[in-house]
Amino acid sequence: QTSALVTGAYGIYFEKTQNSSAFNNTMKTNAESGYGIFIDASFNISMYNTTINTNGENAYGVYFRRSNSSLFSNGNVTTFGSNSFGAYFAFFSYLNSLYKTTLRTSEISASGIYIDAGPYTNISESIINTTGVESYALYTQNSPHLILSRNSYLTSGSSASYGIFLSENYNCTIDY
């Protein structure tokens, strides 16, 4: 069990790590471009019962980059700041799952979940709640074979806010 108050860049950083797990963690960042959890070039990382709070512009709750077959489960992620993200899957991170997690974002151009070139990503039984102008509960592009199952997508903002936004994807499954 880990609890950390981070005034800087990263709560937990996994780099080139394989077959590892973390349980019952609390991460707080209070900085621009802060990351609660950064998973980089890693394989088979499992995170359970994790709470993440970020405060600052361009901040990320959980960031997957070039990482595969990883799981974030039973978490609670809150981000506050413009252009911030609850969970971000990027640069050919594939076969990753987000399960039974609540994500809340607020401020302009914030996204609960952002998937860019993240094929075979599975988001299930989660609640994604965004507040702010030009915000997205879930934004995805260039990410084929997505599975979005039994999620709640909530948005509130004065204009240009979306529950689910898909661009240049194929073979995706969305069900409730």
C-alpha atoms as a PDB file:
ATOM      1  CA  GLN A   1       0.000   0.000   0.000  1.00  0.00           C
ATOM      2  CA  THR A   2       1.359   3.358  -1.026  1.00  0.00           C
ATOM      3  CA  SER A   3       0.190   6.871  -0.359  1.00  0.00           C
ATOM      4  CA  ALA A   4       2.037   9.816  -1.847  1.00  0.00           C
ATOM      5  CA  LEU A   5       1.522  13.541  -2.111  1.00  0.00           C
ATOM      6  CA  VAL A   6       3.466  14.665  -5.135  1.00  0.00           C
ATOM      7  CA  THR A   7       4.217  18.274  -5.922  1.00  0.00           C
ATOM      8  CA  GLY A   8       5.779  17.709  -9.272  1.00  0.00           C
ATOM      9  CA  ALA A   9       5.630  15.463 -12.233  1.00  0.00           C
ATOM     10  CA  TYR A  10       4.840  11.843 -11.334  1.00  0.00           C
ATOM     11  CA  GLY A  11       3.086   9.808  -8.667  1.00  0.00           C
ATOM     12  CA  ILE A  12       4.166   6.374  -9.953  1.00  0.00           C
ATOM     13  CA  TYR A  13       6.231   5.890 -13.117  1.00  0.00           C
ATOM     14  CA  PHE A  14       6.543   2.432 -14.673  1.00  0.00           C
ATOM     15  CA  GLU A  15       9.217   2.361 -17.373  1.00  0.00           C
ATOM     16  CA  LYS A  16      10.156  -0.793 -19.305  1.00  0.00           C
ATOM     17  CA  THR A  17       8.519  -2.823 -16.555  1.00  0.00           C
ATOM     18  CA  GLN A  18       6.833  -6.210 -16.933  1.00  0.00           C
ATOM     19  CA  ASN A  19       4.456  -8.383 -14.926  1.00  0.00           C
ATOM     20  CA  SER A  20       4.037  -5.998 -11.997  1.00  0.00           C
ATOM     21  CA  SER A  21       1.115  -5.019  -9.741  1.00  0.00           C
ATOM     22  CA  ALA A  22       0.255  -2.210  -7.364  1.00  0.00           C
ATOM     23  CA  PHE A  23      -2.628  -2.167  -4.866  1.00  0.00           C
ATOM     24  CA  ASN A  24      -4.410   0.397  -2.674  1.00  0.00           C
ATOM     25  CA  ASN A  25      -2.498   3.506  -3.750  1.00  0.00           C
ATOM     26  CA  THR A  26      -3.314   7.194  -3.420  1.00  0.00           C
ATOM     27  CA  MET A  27      -1.597   9.663  -5.743  1.00  0.00           C
ATOM     28  CA  LYS A  28      -1.977  13.448  -5.682  1.00  0.00           C
ATOM     29  CA  THR A  29      -0.224  15.841  -8.021  1.00  0.00           C
ATOM     30  CA  ASN A  30      -0.469  19.596  -7.872  1.00  0.00           C
ATOM     31  CA  ALA A  31       1.492  20.820 -10.877  1.00  0.00           C
ATOM     32  CA  GLU A  32       1.187  21.619 -14.545  1.00  0.00           C
ATOM     33  CA  SER A  33       1.792  18.500 -16.669  1.00  0.00           C
ATOM     34  CA  GLY A  34       1.596  16.215 -13.640  1.00  0.00           C
ATOM     35  CA  TYR A  35       0.910  12.471 -13.921  1.00  0.00           C
ATOM     36  CA  GLY A  36      -0.741  10.358 -11.255  1.00  0.00           C
ATOM     37  CA  ILE A  37       0.515   7.175 -12.923  1.00  0.00           C
ATOM     38  CA  PHE A  38       2.670   6.990 -16.064  1.00  0.00           C
ATOM     39  CA  ILE A  39       3.062   3.578 -17.708  1.00  0.00           C
ATOM     40  CA  ASP A  40       5.755   3.769 -20.406  1.00  0.00           C
ATOM     41  CA  ALA A  41       6.994   0.960 -22.666  1.00  0.00           C
ATOM     42  CA  SER A  42       5.720  -1.610 -20.172  1.00  0.00           C
ATOM     43  CA  PHE A  43       3.832  -4.894 -20.317  1.00  0.00           C
ATOM     44  CA  ASN A  44       1.271  -6.538 -18.039  1.00  0.00           C
ATOM     45  CA  ILE A  45       0.976  -3.875 -15.336  1.00  0.00           C
ATOM     46  CA  SER A  46      -2.008  -4.247 -12.983  1.00  0.00           C
ATOM     47  CA  MET A  47      -3.272  -1.429 -10.775  1.00  0.00           C
ATOM     48  CA  TYR A  48      -6.094  -2.078  -8.285  1.00  0.00           C
ATOM     49  CA  ASN A  49      -7.995   0.184  -5.871  1.00  0.00           C
ATOM     50  CA  THR A  50      -6.065   3.310  -6.779  1.00  0.00           C
ATOM     51  CA  THR A  51      -7.158   6.897  -6.119  1.00  0.00           C
ATOM     52  CA  ILE A  52      -5.621   9.670  -8.202  1.00  0.00           C
ATOM     53  CA  ASN A  53      -6.168  13.421  -7.898  1.00  0.00           C
ATOM     54  CA  THR A  54      -4.419  15.848 -10.242  1.00  0.00           C
ATOM     55  CA  ASN A  55      -4.640  19.621 -10.174  1.00  0.00           C
ATOM     56  CA  GLY A  56      -3.035  21.614 -12.978  1.00  0.00           C
ATOM     57  CA  GLU A  57      -3.153  22.253 -16.692  1.00  0.00           C
ATOM     58  CA  ASN A  58      -2.184  19.417 -19.051  1.00  0.00           C
ATOM     59  CA  ALA A  59      -2.364  16.880 -16.222  1.00  0.00           C
ATOM     60  CA  TYR A  60      -3.049  13.153 -16.548  1.00  0.00           C
ATOM     61  CA  GLY A  61      -4.559  10.726 -14.073  1.00  0.00           C
ATOM     62  CA  VAL A  62      -3.309   7.549 -15.783  1.00  0.00           C
ATOM     63  CA  TYR A  63      -1.154   7.702 -18.917  1.00  0.00           C
ATOM     64  CA  PHE A  64      -0.377   4.629 -21.039  1.00  0.00           C
ATOM     65  CA  ARG A  65       2.382   5.108 -23.648  1.00  0.00           C
ATOM     66  CA  ARG A  66       3.643   2.204 -25.772  1.00  0.00           C
ATOM     67  CA  SER A  67       2.372  -0.140 -23.073  1.00  0.00           C
ATOM     68  CA  ASN A  68       0.425  -3.324 -23.598  1.00  0.00           C
ATOM     69  CA  SER A  69      -1.796  -5.816 -21.784  1.00  0.00           C
ATOM     70  CA  SER A  70      -2.196  -3.674 -18.670  1.00  0.00           C
ATOM     71  CA  LEU A  71      -5.175  -3.200 -16.336  1.00  0.00           C
ATOM     72  CA  PHE A  72      -6.429  -0.313 -14.206  1.00  0.00           C
ATOM     73  CA  SER A  73      -9.293  -1.576 -12.034  1.00  0.00           C
ATOM     74  CA  ASN A  74     -11.558  -0.317  -9.238  1.00  0.00           C
ATOM     75  CA  GLY A  75     -10.015   3.130  -9.340  1.00  0.00           C
ATOM     76  CA  ASN A  76     -11.131   6.675  -8.727  1.00  0.00           C
ATOM     77  CA  VAL A  77      -9.510   9.392 -10.858  1.00  0.00           C
ATOM     78  CA  THR A  78     -10.195  13.128 -10.557  1.00  0.00           C
ATOM     79  CA  THR A  79      -8.449  15.752 -12.672  1.00  0.00           C
ATOM     80  CA  PHE A  80      -8.901  19.504 -12.497  1.00  0.00           C
ATOM     81  CA  GLY A  81      -7.320  21.811 -15.048  1.00  0.00           C
ATOM     82  CA  SER A  82      -7.671  22.781 -18.671  1.00  0.00           C
ATOM     83  CA  ASN A  83      -6.572  20.199 -21.220  1.00  0.00           C
ATOM     84  CA  SER A  84      -6.387  17.485 -18.554  1.00  0.00           C
ATOM     85  CA  PHE A  85      -7.240  13.794 -18.893  1.00  0.00           C
ATOM     86  CA  GLY A  86      -8.527  11.112 -16.543  1.00  0.00           C
ATOM     87  CA  ALA A  87      -6.988   8.276 -18.581  1.00  0.00           C
ATOM     88  CA  TYR A  88      -4.911   8.635 -21.750  1.00  0.00           C
ATOM     89  CA  PHE A  89      -3.928   5.732 -24.030  1.00  0.00           C
ATOM     90  CA  ALA A  90      -1.343   6.726 -26.661  1.00  0.00           C
ATOM     91  CA  PHE A  91       1.356   5.691 -29.098  1.00  0.00           C
ATOM     92  CA  PHE A  92       0.203   2.192 -29.893  1.00  0.00           C
ATOM     93  CA  SER A  93      -0.693   1.079 -26.418  1.00  0.00           C
ATOM     94  CA  TYR A  94      -2.860  -1.953 -27.101  1.00  0.00           C
ATOM     95  CA  LEU A  95      -4.809  -4.638 -25.245  1.00  0.00           C
ATOM     96  CA  ASN A  96      -5.189  -2.395 -22.181  1.00  0.00           C
ATOM     97  CA  SER A  97      -8.259  -2.361 -19.937  1.00  0.00           C
ATOM     98  CA  LEU A  98      -9.957   0.106 -17.645  1.00  0.00           C
ATOM     99  CA  TYR A  99     -12.512  -1.624 -15.424  1.00  0.00           C
ATOM    100  CA  LYS A 100     -14.940  -0.424 -12.745  1.00  0.00           C
ATOM    101  CA  THR A 101     -13.317   2.979 -12.489  1.00  0.00           C
ATOM    102  CA  THR A 102     -14.813   6.416 -11.917  1.00  0.00           C
ATOM    103  CA  LEU A 103     -13.171   9.283 -13.804  1.00  0.00           C
ATOM    104  CA  ARG A 104     -14.055  12.943 -13.260  1.00  0.00           C
ATOM    105  CA  THR A 105     -12.557  15.860 -15.176  1.00  0.00           C
ATOM    106  CA  SER A 106     -13.378  19.542 -15.078  1.00  0.00           C
ATOM    107  CA  GLU A 107     -12.241  22.610 -16.991  1.00  0.00           C
ATOM    108  CA  ILE A 108     -12.057  23.586 -20.647  1.00  0.00           C
ATOM    109  CA  SER A 109     -10.922  20.945 -23.166  1.00  0.00           C
ATOM    110  CA  ALA A 110     -10.753  18.160 -20.573  1.00  0.00           C
ATOM    111  CA  SER A 111     -11.381  14.483 -21.379  1.00  0.00           C
ATOM    112  CA  GLY A 112     -12.371  11.644 -19.096  1.00  0.00           C
ATOM    113  CA  ILE A 113     -10.740   9.102 -21.425  1.00  0.00           C
ATOM    114  CA  TYR A 114      -8.652   9.888 -24.512  1.00  0.00           C
ATOM    115  CA  ILE A 115      -7.516   7.046 -26.768  1.00  0.00           C
ATOM    116  CA  ASP A 116      -5.099   7.870 -29.600  1.00  0.00           C
ATOM    117  CA  ALA A 117      -3.713   4.921 -31.560  1.00  0.00           C
ATOM    118  CA  GLY A 118      -4.718   2.484 -28.827  1.00  0.00           C
ATOM    119  CA  PRO A 119      -6.149  -0.583 -30.575  1.00  0.00           C
ATOM    120  CA  TYR A 120      -7.970  -3.298 -28.635  1.00  0.00           C
ATOM    121  CA  THR A 121      -8.591  -1.057 -25.631  1.00  0.00           C
ATOM    122  CA  ASN A 122     -11.400  -2.252 -23.344  1.00  0.00           C
ATOM    123  CA  ILE A 123     -13.316   0.210 -21.139  1.00  0.00           C
ATOM    124  CA  SER A 124     -15.949  -1.572 -19.036  1.00  0.00           C
ATOM    125  CA  GLU A 125     -18.359  -0.838 -16.178  1.00  0.00           C
ATOM    126  CA  SER A 126     -16.930   2.624 -15.595  1.00  0.00           C
ATOM    127  CA  ILE A 127     -18.359   6.084 -14.974  1.00  0.00           C
ATOM    128  CA  ILE A 128     -16.887   8.965 -16.953  1.00  0.00           C
ATOM    129  CA  ASN A 129     -18.025  12.451 -15.935  1.00  0.00           C
ATOM    130  CA  THR A 130     -16.692  15.636 -17.559  1.00  0.00           C
ATOM    131  CA  THR A 131     -17.542  19.261 -16.897  1.00  0.00           C
ATOM    132  CA  GLY A 132     -16.324  22.088 -19.105  1.00  0.00           C
ATOM    133  CA  VAL A 133     -16.531  23.673 -22.531  1.00  0.00           C
ATOM    134  CA  GLU A 134     -15.188  21.496 -25.358  1.00  0.00           C
ATOM    135  CA  SER A 135     -14.918  18.489 -23.074  1.00  0.00           C
ATOM    136  CA  TYR A 136     -15.281  14.802 -23.871  1.00  0.00           C
ATOM    137  CA  ALA A 137     -16.296  11.923 -21.650  1.00  0.00           C
ATOM    138  CA  LEU A 138     -14.536   9.640 -24.163  1.00  0.00           C
ATOM    139  CA  TYR A 139     -12.544  10.724 -27.229  1.00  0.00           C
ATOM    140  CA  THR A 140     -10.944   8.159 -29.491  1.00  0.00           C
ATOM    141  CA  GLN A 141      -9.081   8.295 -32.795  1.00  0.00           C
ATOM    142  CA  ASN A 142      -7.107   5.813 -34.875  1.00  0.00           C
ATOM    143  CA  SER A 143      -7.968   3.044 -32.419  1.00  0.00           C
ATOM    144  CA  PRO A 144      -9.578  -0.005 -34.018  1.00  0.00           C
ATOM    145  CA  HIS A 145     -11.256  -2.875 -32.186  1.00  0.00           C
ATOM    146  CA  LEU A 146     -12.329  -0.899 -29.124  1.00  0.00           C
ATOM    147  CA  ILE A 147     -14.714  -2.431 -26.616  1.00  0.00           C
ATOM    148  CA  LEU A 148     -16.818   0.059 -24.663  1.00  0.00           C
ATOM    149  CA  SER A 149     -19.149  -1.934 -22.437  1.00  0.00           C
ATOM    150  CA  ARG A 150     -21.638  -0.984 -19.683  1.00  0.00           C
ATOM    151  CA  ASN A 151     -20.235   2.502 -19.057  1.00  0.00           C
ATOM    152  CA  SER A 152     -21.933   5.765 -18.102  1.00  0.00           C
ATOM    153  CA  TYR A 153     -20.857   8.863 -20.025  1.00  0.00           C
ATOM    154  CA  LEU A 154     -21.837  12.209 -18.474  1.00  0.00           C
ATOM    155  CA  THR A 155     -20.942  15.627 -19.841  1.00  0.00           C
ATOM    156  CA  SER A 156     -21.922  19.136 -18.881  1.00  0.00           C
ATOM    157  CA  GLY A 157     -20.596  22.246 -20.510  1.00  0.00           C
ATOM    158  CA  SER A 158     -22.022  25.239 -22.282  1.00  0.00           C
ATOM    159  CA  SER A 159     -20.963  24.153 -25.773  1.00  0.00           C
ATOM    160  CA  ALA A 160     -19.184  21.504 -27.801  1.00  0.00           C
ATOM    161  CA  SER A 161     -19.198  18.787 -25.134  1.00  0.00           C
ATOM    162  CA  TYR A 162     -19.507  15.132 -26.128  1.00  0.00           C
ATOM    163  CA  GLY A 163     -20.323  11.862 -24.398  1.00  0.00           C
ATOM    164  CA  ILE A 164     -18.519   9.637 -26.934  1.00  0.00           C
ATOM    165  CA  PHE A 165     -16.542  10.966 -29.901  1.00  0.00           C
ATOM    166  CA  LEU A 166     -15.032   8.478 -32.358  1.00  0.00           C
ATOM    167  CA  SER A 167     -12.776   9.477 -35.258  1.00  0.00           C
ATOM    168  CA  GLU A 168     -11.106   7.148 -37.761  1.00  0.00           C
ATOM    169  CA  ASN A 169     -11.877   3.960 -35.850  1.00  0.00           C
ATOM    170  CA  TYR A 170     -13.260   0.641 -37.077  1.00  0.00           C
ATOM    171  CA  ASN A 171     -14.587  -2.633 -35.674  1.00  0.00           C
ATOM    172  CA  CYS A 172     -15.587  -0.988 -32.400  1.00  0.00           C
ATOM    173  CA  THR A 173     -18.232  -2.347 -30.024  1.00  0.00           C
ATOM    174  CA  ILE A 174     -20.314  -0.022 -27.865  1.00  0.00           C
ATOM    175  CA  ASP A 175     -22.985  -1.545 -25.629  1.00  0.00           C
ATOM    176  CA  TYR A 176     -24.795  -0.934 -22.434  1.00  0.00           C
END
